Amino acid sequence: MDLKLDHYTEDDTEIVVVEGEIDVYTAPRLRELLIDLVNKGNVHLVVNMEKVEFLDSTGLGVLVGGLKRVRAHDGTLDLVCTQERILKIFRITGLTKVFGIYESVQEAIDKRKSK
């Protein structure tokens, strides 16, 4: 499976829609998109991973790198994920304590605005 990436703006937040597999072969495309968005001034990101079928350590590294990049600009990077097999990876690695992980894009946006 390949990786499909798209993004759009909603409520001053850039929503990145990811579909497919985030692995050693496809993760560089996601990294480039996140870097490009931050370089263009988008520092509040929500990565919608609802259609992600596979995530490896390279993909996790890209997400952590993206989080560090937005935090350097006082930004946020939250995730939308309800798939147990993907959530399990975040729990095992302890990254549930690092990322805001939400059930919907709207929930992620609302949570950021309430801070």
Protein backbone atom coordinates (compact mmCIF):
# COMPACT_ATOMS: atom_id res chain seq x y z
CA MET A 1 0.00 0.00 0.00
CA ASP A 2 1.19 3.47 -0.82
CA LEU A 3 0.83 6.64 1.22
CA LYS A 4 -1.72 9.32 0.36
CA LEU A 5 -1.29 12.78 1.86
CA ASP A 6 -3.60 15.77 1.77
CA HIS A 7 -4.06 18.87 3.91
CA TYR A 8 -6.52 21.70 4.45
CA THR A 9 -7.07 24.54 6.90
CA GLU A 10 -9.83 24.58 9.50
CA ASP A 11 -10.10 27.08 12.39
CA ASP A 12 -6.47 28.30 12.13
CA THR A 13 -5.32 24.68 12.22
CA GLU A 14 -3.72 22.79 9.35
CA ILE A 15 -5.25 19.33 9.07
CA VAL A 16 -2.98 16.70 7.50
CA VAL A 17 -4.87 13.67 6.22
CA VAL A 18 -2.77 10.53 6.02
CA GLU A 19 -3.93 7.31 4.38
CA GLY A 20 -2.07 4.05 3.90
CA GLU A 21 1.25 2.94 5.37
CA ILE A 22 3.79 5.16 7.13
CA ASP A 23 7.02 3.20 6.95
CA VAL A 24 10.69 3.56 6.08
CA TYR A 25 9.80 4.02 2.39
CA THR A 26 6.91 6.47 2.70
CA ALA A 27 7.72 8.41 5.89
CA PRO A 28 10.06 10.88 4.11
CA ARG A 29 7.06 12.22 2.16
CA LEU A 30 5.19 12.93 5.39
CA ARG A 31 8.32 14.52 6.89
CA GLU A 32 8.67 16.82 3.86
CA LEU A 33 5.01 17.88 4.10
CA LEU A 34 5.25 18.65 7.82
CA ILE A 35 8.46 20.66 7.32
CA ASP A 36 6.90 22.57 4.41
CA LEU A 37 3.77 23.41 6.41
CA VAL A 38 5.78 24.70 9.38
CA ASN A 39 8.09 26.68 7.09
CA LYS A 40 4.97 28.36 5.66
CA GLY A 41 3.89 29.42 9.14
CA ASN A 42 1.45 26.63 9.97
CA VAL A 43 2.38 25.77 13.56
CA HIS A 44 -0.90 24.25 14.74
CA LEU A 45 -1.21 20.87 13.06
CA VAL A 46 -3.59 17.95 13.43
CA VAL A 47 -2.53 14.72 11.73
CA ASN A 48 -5.61 12.64 10.92
CA MET A 49 -4.44 9.02 11.01
CA GLU A 50 -7.86 7.38 10.79
CA LYS A 51 -6.97 5.68 7.50
CA VAL A 52 -3.41 4.70 8.42
CA GLU A 53 -3.04 0.94 8.09
CA PHE A 54 0.56 0.57 9.26
CA LEU A 55 3.01 2.66 11.28
CA ASP A 56 6.63 1.73 11.96
CA SER A 57 9.42 3.34 13.99
CA THR A 58 10.39 5.57 11.07
CA GLY A 59 6.85 6.95 10.97
CA LEU A 60 6.90 7.52 14.73
CA GLY A 61 10.19 9.37 14.31
CA VAL A 62 8.67 11.65 11.68
CA LEU A 63 5.74 12.49 13.97
CA VAL A 64 8.05 13.20 16.92
CA GLY A 65 10.26 15.33 14.66
CA GLY A 66 7.20 17.25 13.49
CA LEU A 67 6.15 17.81 17.10
CA LYS A 68 9.58 19.19 17.99
CA ARG A 69 9.50 21.46 14.96
CA VAL A 70 6.11 23.02 15.81
CA ARG A 71 6.95 23.34 19.50
CA ALA A 72 10.02 25.36 18.53
CA HIS A 73 7.50 27.89 17.16
CA ASP A 74 5.12 27.60 20.16
CA GLY A 75 2.86 25.40 18.06
CA THR A 76 1.02 22.12 18.51
CA LEU A 77 0.84 18.80 16.72
CA ASP A 78 -2.05 16.55 17.71
CA LEU A 79 -3.20 13.24 16.28
CA VAL A 80 -6.58 11.81 15.37
CA CYS A 81 -6.60 8.05 15.80
CA THR A 82 -9.14 5.53 17.04
CA GLN A 83 -7.65 2.37 15.55
CA GLU A 84 -6.56 0.09 18.39
CA ARG A 85 -3.59 -1.40 16.51
CA ILE A 86 -2.13 2.07 15.88
CA LEU A 87 -2.99 3.37 19.37
CA LYS A 88 -1.21 0.36 20.85
CA ILE A 89 2.05 1.51 19.23
CA PHE A 90 1.71 4.92 20.90
CA ARG A 91 0.95 3.29 24.27
CA ILE A 92 3.87 0.84 24.10
CA THR A 93 6.32 3.61 23.20
CA GLY A 94 4.96 6.00 25.84
CA LEU A 95 4.07 8.56 23.17
CA THR A 96 0.50 8.88 24.48
CA LYS A 97 2.09 11.16 27.10
CA VAL A 98 3.71 13.29 24.39
CA PHE A 99 0.95 13.66 21.78
CA GLY A 100 -2.62 14.76 22.18
CA ILE A 101 -4.55 11.85 20.63
CA TYR A 102 -8.20 12.49 19.81
CA GLU A 103 -11.16 10.69 18.27
CA SER A 104 -11.99 13.43 15.75
CA VAL A 105 -10.48 16.47 14.08
CA GLN A 106 -13.08 18.70 15.74
CA GLU A 107 -12.22 17.34 19.18
CA ALA A 108 -8.51 18.07 18.58
CA ILE A 109 -9.26 21.63 17.41
CA ASP A 110 -11.64 22.28 20.33
CA LYS A 111 -9.09 21.00 22.87
CA ARG A 112 -6.33 23.26 21.51
CA LYS A 113 -8.62 26.31 21.57
CA SER A 114 -9.67 25.62 25.18
CA LYS A 115 -6.05 25.70 26.43
